[in-house]
Amino acid sequence: ISELGLKFTANSDLPSEVVERMLNSLLAGLDDYTTDERGDVGSWVRIACVKGLASFAEILMLNAALLPDFKLDLPAEKYHELLGGILKQGVERLDNVRQQAGEQFIRLLSLPPPQVDDAESWRIHGAQLMKDLFLRYCVNPG
């Protein structure tokens, strides 16, 4: 987010309802399997949603202490749902979809816990083991 010159303050958050709709739209895009004369256009949507979810989660997690409604913006259950959605893309048949899912999941595994009470709720169980396994088999980890 810093490369875009954006900074968070307590006054810059979106209403929680808007954040929820945005997250739900990105999650819904993970189920797009549309094909047309151009081929599997749904895979383009899924890749964009994987990237969007990772970026969205990263921004919210890193700025949790500045967001008065962080627990409403990204409830732990919703965070784990988006992690599961990204992991599901990691077993898709298309290499480019699997590649992006893996890269974005590693990105999320590297995030520190949010700076809020009960940060443990956002913890990824087995994160270090998963990170070790992902990076062990990654030709270009980062």
N, C-alpha and C. Protein backbone atom coordinates (compact mmCIF):
# COMPACT_ATOMS: atom_id res chain seq x y z
N ILE A 1 0.83 -1.19 0.00
CA ILE A 1 0.00 0.00 0.00
C ILE A 1 0.87 1.25 0.00
N SER A 2 2.07 1.15 0.56
CA SER A 2 2.94 2.31 0.59
C SER A 2 3.37 2.74 -0.81
N GLU A 3 3.49 1.79 -1.75
CA GLU A 3 3.87 2.15 -3.11
C GLU A 3 2.78 2.98 -3.79
N LEU A 4 1.57 2.94 -3.28
CA LEU A 4 0.49 3.74 -3.81
C LEU A 4 0.38 5.08 -3.09
N GLY A 5 1.19 5.26 -2.06
CA GLY A 5 1.17 6.49 -1.29
C GLY A 5 -0.03 6.61 -0.37
N LEU A 6 -0.65 5.48 -0.03
CA LEU A 6 -1.83 5.50 0.84
C LEU A 6 -1.42 5.28 2.28
N LYS A 7 -2.07 6.01 3.16
CA LYS A 7 -1.83 5.84 4.58
C LYS A 7 -3.18 5.68 5.27
N PHE A 8 -3.18 4.88 6.32
CA PHE A 8 -4.41 4.69 7.08
C PHE A 8 -4.40 5.59 8.30
N THR A 9 -5.56 6.14 8.61
CA THR A 9 -5.76 6.85 9.86
C THR A 9 -7.09 6.34 10.41
N ALA A 10 -7.37 6.68 11.62
CA ALA A 10 -8.62 6.23 12.22
C ALA A 10 -9.83 6.76 11.46
N ASN A 11 -9.65 7.83 10.69
CA ASN A 11 -10.77 8.43 9.96
C ASN A 11 -10.89 7.94 8.53
N SER A 12 -10.00 7.06 8.08
CA SER A 12 -10.01 6.69 6.66
C SER A 12 -10.64 5.34 6.38
N ASP A 13 -11.27 4.73 7.38
CA ASP A 13 -11.83 3.41 7.11
C ASP A 13 -13.18 3.51 6.42
N LEU A 14 -13.48 2.48 5.65
CA LEU A 14 -14.77 2.36 4.99
C LEU A 14 -15.78 1.83 5.99
N PRO A 15 -17.06 2.10 5.77
CA PRO A 15 -18.07 1.48 6.64
C PRO A 15 -17.95 -0.05 6.57
N SER A 16 -18.14 -0.70 7.68
CA SER A 16 -17.99 -2.16 7.75
C SER A 16 -18.89 -2.88 6.75
N GLU A 17 -20.07 -2.32 6.46
CA GLU A 17 -20.97 -2.94 5.50
C GLU A 17 -20.36 -2.95 4.11
N VAL A 18 -19.64 -1.90 3.76
CA VAL A 18 -18.99 -1.81 2.45
C VAL A 18 -17.84 -2.81 2.38
N VAL A 19 -17.05 -2.87 3.43
CA VAL A 19 -15.93 -3.82 3.48
C VAL A 19 -16.46 -5.25 3.36
N GLU A 20 -17.55 -5.54 4.06
CA GLU A 20 -18.14 -6.88 4.00
C GLU A 20 -18.60 -7.21 2.58
N ARG A 21 -19.24 -6.26 1.92
CA ARG A 21 -19.70 -6.50 0.54
C ARG A 21 -18.53 -6.72 -0.40
N MET A 22 -17.46 -5.96 -0.20
CA MET A 22 -16.28 -6.11 -1.05
C MET A 22 -15.66 -7.49 -0.86
N LEU A 23 -15.49 -7.89 0.40
CA LEU A 23 -14.93 -9.22 0.68
C LEU A 23 -15.82 -10.32 0.14
N ASN A 24 -17.11 -10.20 0.32
CA ASN A 24 -18.04 -11.22 -0.18
C ASN A 24 -18.00 -11.31 -1.71
N SER A 25 -17.85 -10.17 -2.37
CA SER A 25 -17.75 -10.18 -3.84
C SER A 25 -16.48 -10.90 -4.30
N LEU A 26 -15.37 -10.62 -3.63
CA LEU A 26 -14.12 -11.30 -3.99
C LEU A 26 -14.21 -12.80 -3.70
N LEU A 27 -14.83 -13.16 -2.59
CA LEU A 27 -15.00 -14.59 -2.28
C LEU A 27 -15.90 -15.26 -3.32
N ALA A 28 -16.96 -14.59 -3.74
CA ALA A 28 -17.86 -15.16 -4.74
C ALA A 28 -17.13 -15.37 -6.07
N GLY A 29 -16.20 -14.49 -6.38
CA GLY A 29 -15.45 -14.61 -7.62
C GLY A 29 -14.59 -15.86 -7.68
N LEU A 30 -14.29 -16.43 -6.53
CA LEU A 30 -13.50 -17.67 -6.51
C LEU A 30 -14.27 -18.85 -7.09
N ASP A 31 -15.57 -18.69 -7.25
CA ASP A 31 -16.41 -19.75 -7.81
C ASP A 31 -16.79 -19.49 -9.26
N ASP A 32 -16.08 -18.57 -9.93
CA ASP A 32 -16.39 -18.25 -11.32
C ASP A 32 -15.68 -19.23 -12.25
N TYR A 33 -16.45 -20.02 -12.96
CA TYR A 33 -15.91 -20.99 -13.92
C TYR A 33 -16.46 -20.72 -15.32
N THR A 34 -16.67 -19.45 -15.62
CA THR A 34 -17.21 -19.04 -16.91
C THR A 34 -16.23 -19.36 -18.04
N THR A 35 -16.78 -19.86 -19.14
CA THR A 35 -16.00 -20.04 -20.36
C THR A 35 -16.76 -19.41 -21.51
N ASP A 36 -16.03 -18.92 -22.48
CA ASP A 36 -16.64 -18.41 -23.69
C ASP A 36 -15.67 -18.63 -24.84
N GLU A 37 -15.86 -17.91 -25.95
CA GLU A 37 -15.00 -18.13 -27.12
C GLU A 37 -13.53 -17.82 -26.83
N ARG A 38 -13.26 -17.07 -25.77
CA ARG A 38 -11.87 -16.77 -25.39
C ARG A 38 -11.27 -17.86 -24.52
N GLY A 39 -12.08 -18.80 -24.07
CA GLY A 39 -11.61 -19.88 -23.22
C GLY A 39 -12.12 -19.74 -21.80
N ASP A 40 -11.30 -20.13 -20.86
CA ASP A 40 -11.66 -20.15 -19.44
C ASP A 40 -11.47 -18.76 -18.83
N VAL A 41 -12.43 -17.88 -19.09
CA VAL A 41 -12.32 -16.52 -18.55
C VAL A 41 -12.55 -16.51 -17.04
N GLY A 42 -13.22 -17.50 -16.52
CA GLY A 42 -13.41 -17.60 -15.07
C GLY A 42 -12.09 -17.70 -14.34
N SER A 43 -11.09 -18.30 -14.96
CA SER A 43 -9.79 -18.41 -14.30
C SER A 43 -9.16 -17.03 -14.13
N TRP A 44 -9.42 -16.11 -15.06
CA TRP A 44 -8.92 -14.75 -14.91
C TRP A 44 -9.57 -14.08 -13.70
N VAL A 45 -10.87 -14.32 -13.56
CA VAL A 45 -11.61 -13.76 -12.42
C VAL A 45 -11.08 -14.36 -11.12
N ARG A 46 -10.89 -15.67 -11.10
CA ARG A 46 -10.41 -16.32 -9.88
C ARG A 46 -9.03 -15.81 -9.49
N ILE A 47 -8.15 -15.64 -10.46
CA ILE A 47 -6.81 -15.12 -10.17
C ILE A 47 -6.91 -13.71 -9.61
N ALA A 48 -7.73 -12.87 -10.23
CA ALA A 48 -7.89 -11.49 -9.74
C ALA A 48 -8.45 -11.48 -8.32
N CYS A 49 -9.37 -12.39 -8.03
CA CYS A 49 -9.97 -12.45 -6.69
C CYS A 49 -8.96 -12.96 -5.66
N VAL A 50 -8.14 -13.92 -6.03
CA VAL A 50 -7.10 -14.41 -5.12
C VAL A 50 -6.16 -13.26 -4.76
N LYS A 51 -5.72 -12.52 -5.77
CA LYS A 51 -4.83 -11.38 -5.52
C LYS A 51 -5.54 -10.31 -4.70
N GLY A 52 -6.78 -10.03 -5.05
CA GLY A 52 -7.54 -9.02 -4.33
C GLY A 52 -7.78 -9.38 -2.87
N LEU A 53 -8.12 -10.63 -2.63
CA LEU A 53 -8.34 -11.07 -1.24
C LEU A 53 -7.06 -10.97 -0.42
N ALA A 54 -5.94 -11.37 -1.01
CA ALA A 54 -4.67 -11.30 -0.28
C ALA A 54 -4.31 -9.85 0.01
N SER A 55 -4.47 -8.97 -0.96
CA SER A 55 -4.16 -7.56 -0.75
C SER A 55 -5.09 -6.93 0.29
N PHE A 56 -6.36 -7.24 0.18
CA PHE A 56 -7.35 -6.71 1.11
C PHE A 56 -7.03 -7.16 2.53
N ALA A 57 -6.79 -8.46 2.69
CA ALA A 57 -6.48 -8.98 4.02
C ALA A 57 -5.20 -8.37 4.56
N GLU A 58 -4.20 -8.26 3.71
CA GLU A 58 -2.93 -7.69 4.15
C GLU A 58 -3.10 -6.25 4.65
N ILE A 59 -3.82 -5.45 3.89
CA ILE A 59 -4.05 -4.06 4.28
C ILE A 59 -4.78 -3.99 5.62
N LEU A 60 -5.83 -4.77 5.76
CA LEU A 60 -6.60 -4.75 7.01
C LEU A 60 -5.78 -5.27 8.19
N MET A 61 -5.08 -6.37 7.99
CA MET A 61 -4.30 -6.96 9.08
C MET A 61 -3.17 -6.02 9.54
N LEU A 62 -2.47 -5.43 8.60
CA LEU A 62 -1.35 -4.56 8.96
C LEU A 62 -1.79 -3.24 9.58
N ASN A 63 -3.03 -2.86 9.34
CA ASN A 63 -3.54 -1.60 9.87
C ASN A 63 -4.62 -1.79 10.93
N ALA A 64 -4.71 -2.98 11.48
CA ALA A 64 -5.77 -3.31 12.44
C ALA A 64 -5.83 -2.34 13.61
N ALA A 65 -4.67 -1.95 14.12
CA ALA A 65 -4.65 -1.06 15.28
C ALA A 65 -5.22 0.32 14.95
N LEU A 66 -5.21 0.72 13.69
CA LEU A 66 -5.73 2.03 13.28
C LEU A 66 -7.19 2.00 12.89
N LEU A 67 -7.75 0.81 12.74
CA LEU A 67 -9.13 0.67 12.27
C LEU A 67 -10.05 0.42 13.44
N PRO A 68 -10.90 1.37 13.76
CA PRO A 68 -11.76 1.20 14.93
C PRO A 68 -12.72 0.02 14.82
N ASP A 69 -13.05 -0.38 13.60
CA ASP A 69 -14.00 -1.48 13.40
C ASP A 69 -13.32 -2.71 12.80
N PHE A 70 -12.03 -2.90 13.06
CA PHE A 70 -11.31 -4.01 12.44
C PHE A 70 -12.02 -5.35 12.63
N LYS A 71 -12.51 -5.61 13.84
CA LYS A 71 -13.16 -6.90 14.10
C LYS A 71 -14.46 -7.07 13.32
N LEU A 72 -15.07 -5.97 12.91
CA LEU A 72 -16.25 -6.03 12.03
C LEU A 72 -15.83 -6.07 10.57
N ASP A 73 -14.73 -5.37 10.25
CA ASP A 73 -14.25 -5.33 8.87
C ASP A 73 -13.71 -6.69 8.43
N LEU A 74 -12.94 -7.32 9.28
CA LEU A 74 -12.37 -8.63 8.94
C LEU A 74 -12.48 -9.55 10.14
N PRO A 75 -13.69 -10.06 10.40
CA PRO A 75 -13.84 -11.00 11.51
C PRO A 75 -12.93 -12.21 11.27
N ALA A 76 -12.47 -12.80 12.35
CA ALA A 76 -11.56 -13.95 12.23
C ALA A 76 -12.17 -15.04 11.36
N GLU A 77 -13.47 -15.28 11.48
CA GLU A 77 -14.12 -16.32 10.68
C GLU A 77 -14.03 -15.99 9.19
N LYS A 78 -14.21 -14.72 8.83
CA LYS A 78 -14.13 -14.30 7.43
C LYS A 78 -12.69 -14.43 6.92
N TYR A 79 -11.72 -14.11 7.77
CA TYR A 79 -10.31 -14.26 7.40
C TYR A 79 -10.00 -15.72 7.10
N HIS A 80 -10.47 -16.61 7.95
CA HIS A 80 -10.22 -18.03 7.72
C HIS A 80 -10.98 -18.54 6.49
N GLU A 81 -12.14 -17.96 6.23
CA GLU A 81 -12.89 -18.32 5.02
C GLU A 81 -12.10 -17.91 3.77
N LEU A 82 -11.52 -16.72 3.79
CA LEU A 82 -10.76 -16.29 2.61
C LEU A 82 -9.48 -17.10 2.46
N LEU A 83 -8.86 -17.49 3.56
CA LEU A 83 -7.69 -18.38 3.48
C LEU A 83 -8.08 -19.71 2.83
N GLY A 84 -9.21 -20.26 3.26
CA GLY A 84 -9.69 -21.52 2.68
C GLY A 84 -10.00 -21.38 1.21
N GLY A 85 -10.58 -20.24 0.83
CA GLY A 85 -10.89 -20.00 -0.58
C GLY A 85 -9.63 -19.94 -1.43
N ILE A 86 -8.60 -19.30 -0.91
CA ILE A 86 -7.33 -19.23 -1.63
C ILE A 86 -6.70 -20.60 -1.71
N LEU A 87 -6.73 -21.34 -0.61
CA LEU A 87 -6.16 -22.71 -0.63
C LEU A 87 -6.90 -23.59 -1.63
N LYS A 88 -8.21 -23.43 -1.73
CA LYS A 88 -8.99 -24.22 -2.70
C LYS A 88 -8.49 -23.96 -4.13
N GLN A 89 -8.13 -22.73 -4.41
CA GLN A 89 -7.60 -22.41 -5.74
C GLN A 89 -6.25 -23.08 -5.97
N GLY A 90 -5.58 -23.42 -4.90
CA GLY A 90 -4.29 -24.09 -5.00
C GLY A 90 -4.36 -25.52 -5.50
N VAL A 91 -5.56 -26.07 -5.62
CA VAL A 91 -5.70 -27.42 -6.16
C VAL A 91 -6.47 -27.42 -7.48
N GLU A 92 -6.62 -26.24 -8.08
CA GLU A 92 -7.28 -26.14 -9.38
C GLU A 92 -6.41 -26.78 -10.46
N ARG A 93 -7.00 -27.08 -11.60
CA ARG A 93 -6.28 -27.78 -12.67
C ARG A 93 -5.33 -26.88 -13.43
N LEU A 94 -5.56 -25.58 -13.43
CA LEU A 94 -4.73 -24.66 -14.20
C LEU A 94 -3.50 -24.22 -13.41
N ASP A 95 -2.33 -24.35 -14.03
CA ASP A 95 -1.07 -24.00 -13.37
C ASP A 95 -1.05 -22.55 -12.91
N ASN A 96 -1.54 -21.63 -13.75
CA ASN A 96 -1.47 -20.21 -13.39
C ASN A 96 -2.34 -19.88 -12.18
N VAL A 97 -3.46 -20.57 -12.04
CA VAL A 97 -4.32 -20.36 -10.88
C VAL A 97 -3.64 -20.92 -9.63
N ARG A 98 -3.10 -22.12 -9.74
CA ARG A 98 -2.39 -22.72 -8.60
C ARG A 98 -1.19 -21.86 -8.18
N GLN A 99 -0.47 -21.35 -9.16
CA GLN A 99 0.70 -20.51 -8.89
C GLN A 99 0.32 -19.28 -8.07
N GLN A 100 -0.71 -18.57 -8.53
CA GLN A 100 -1.13 -17.37 -7.82
C GLN A 100 -1.66 -17.69 -6.42
N ALA A 101 -2.40 -18.77 -6.31
CA ALA A 101 -2.91 -19.15 -5.00
C ALA A 101 -1.76 -19.42 -4.04
N GLY A 102 -0.75 -20.12 -4.50
CA GLY A 102 0.41 -20.41 -3.64
C GLY A 102 1.16 -19.16 -3.26
N GLU A 103 1.40 -18.29 -4.22
CA GLU A 103 2.12 -17.05 -3.93
C GLU A 103 1.36 -16.17 -2.94
N GLN A 104 0.06 -16.06 -3.12
CA GLN A 104 -0.72 -15.21 -2.23
C GLN A 104 -0.89 -15.84 -0.86
N PHE A 105 -0.97 -17.16 -0.80
CA PHE A 105 -1.08 -17.81 0.50
C PHE A 105 0.21 -17.62 1.29
N ILE A 106 1.36 -17.76 0.64
CA ILE A 106 2.63 -17.52 1.32
C ILE A 106 2.69 -16.08 1.83
N ARG A 107 2.22 -15.16 1.03
CA ARG A 107 2.16 -13.75 1.43
C ARG A 107 1.37 -13.60 2.73
N LEU A 108 0.23 -14.26 2.82
CA LEU A 108 -0.60 -14.17 4.02
C LEU A 108 0.02 -14.89 5.20
N LEU A 109 0.71 -15.99 4.93
CA LEU A 109 1.39 -16.71 6.01
C LEU A 109 2.47 -15.85 6.66
N SER A 110 3.00 -14.91 5.91
CA SER A 110 4.09 -14.07 6.40
C SER A 110 3.62 -12.87 7.21
N LEU A 111 2.32 -12.63 7.24
CA LEU A 111 1.80 -11.48 7.98
C LEU A 111 1.92 -11.68 9.49
N PRO A 112 2.24 -10.61 10.20
CA PRO A 112 2.18 -10.70 11.67
C PRO A 112 0.72 -10.71 12.09
N PRO A 113 0.44 -11.16 13.31
CA PRO A 113 -0.95 -11.12 13.78
C PRO A 113 -1.43 -9.68 13.87
N PRO A 114 -2.72 -9.46 13.74
CA PRO A 114 -3.22 -8.08 13.86
C PRO A 114 -2.99 -7.56 15.27
N GLN A 115 -2.78 -6.28 15.39
CA GLN A 115 -2.55 -5.67 16.70
C GLN A 115 -3.89 -5.29 17.34
N VAL A 116 -4.59 -6.33 17.78
CA VAL A 116 -5.88 -6.16 18.44
C VAL A 116 -5.96 -7.16 19.59
N ASP A 117 -6.92 -6.91 20.48
CA ASP A 117 -7.19 -7.90 21.51
C ASP A 117 -7.64 -9.18 20.83
N ASP A 118 -7.30 -10.32 21.40
CA ASP A 118 -7.70 -11.61 20.85
C ASP A 118 -7.12 -11.87 19.46
N ALA A 119 -5.90 -11.39 19.21
CA ALA A 119 -5.24 -11.59 17.92
C ALA A 119 -5.09 -13.08 17.60
N GLU A 120 -5.11 -13.91 18.62
CA GLU A 120 -4.98 -15.36 18.44
C GLU A 120 -6.07 -15.91 17.52
N SER A 121 -7.22 -15.27 17.48
CA SER A 121 -8.33 -15.74 16.63
C SER A 121 -7.99 -15.68 15.15
N TRP A 122 -7.07 -14.82 14.77
CA TRP A 122 -6.68 -14.68 13.37
C TRP A 122 -5.47 -15.55 13.03
N ARG A 123 -4.94 -16.24 14.02
CA ARG A 123 -3.75 -17.06 13.79
C ARG A 123 -4.07 -18.21 12.85
N ILE A 124 -3.10 -18.50 11.99
CA ILE A 124 -3.21 -19.64 11.08
C ILE A 124 -2.52 -20.81 11.77
N HIS A 125 -3.28 -21.81 12.16
CA HIS A 125 -2.70 -22.96 12.84
C HIS A 125 -1.79 -23.71 11.88
N GLY A 126 -0.58 -24.01 12.32
CA GLY A 126 0.38 -24.71 11.48
C GLY A 126 1.05 -23.81 10.45
N ALA A 127 0.99 -22.49 10.67
CA ALA A 127 1.51 -21.54 9.67
C ALA A 127 2.99 -21.78 9.37
N GLN A 128 3.79 -21.99 10.39
CA GLN A 128 5.23 -22.16 10.13
C GLN A 128 5.49 -23.43 9.34
N LEU A 129 4.82 -24.51 9.67
CA LEU A 129 4.99 -25.75 8.92
C LEU A 129 4.56 -25.56 7.46
N MET A 130 3.40 -24.91 7.25
CA MET A 130 2.95 -24.67 5.88
C MET A 130 3.93 -23.79 5.12
N LYS A 131 4.42 -22.76 5.77
CA LYS A 131 5.38 -21.87 5.12
C LYS A 131 6.65 -22.63 4.74
N ASP A 132 7.14 -23.45 5.67
CA ASP A 132 8.33 -24.26 5.38
C ASP A 132 8.09 -25.19 4.19
N LEU A 133 6.94 -25.84 4.17
CA LEU A 133 6.62 -26.77 3.07
C LEU A 133 6.45 -26.04 1.75
N PHE A 134 5.73 -24.92 1.76
CA PHE A 134 5.53 -24.17 0.53
C PHE A 134 6.87 -23.69 -0.01
N LEU A 135 7.69 -23.13 0.85
CA LEU A 135 8.96 -22.55 0.39
C LEU A 135 9.98 -23.62 0.01
N ARG A 136 9.90 -24.77 0.60
CA ARG A 136 10.83 -25.86 0.28
C ARG A 136 10.70 -26.28 -1.18
N TYR A 137 9.46 -26.27 -1.67
CA TYR A 137 9.21 -26.74 -3.02
C TYR A 137 9.03 -25.61 -4.03
N CYS A 138 9.29 -24.40 -3.59
CA CYS A 138 9.13 -23.24 -4.45
C CYS A 138 10.46 -22.95 -5.15
N VAL A 139 10.43 -22.86 -6.47
CA VAL A 139 11.65 -22.58 -7.22
C VAL A 139 12.11 -21.15 -6.97
N ASN A 140 11.16 -20.21 -6.95
CA ASN A 140 11.48 -18.80 -6.73
C ASN A 140 10.57 -18.28 -5.63
N PRO A 141 10.94 -18.45 -4.35
CA PRO A 141 10.05 -18.12 -3.26
C PRO A 141 9.74 -16.65 -3.08
N GLY A 142 10.35 -15.79 -3.73
CA GLY A 142 9.88 -14.47 -3.45
C GLY A 142 10.64 -13.38 -4.00
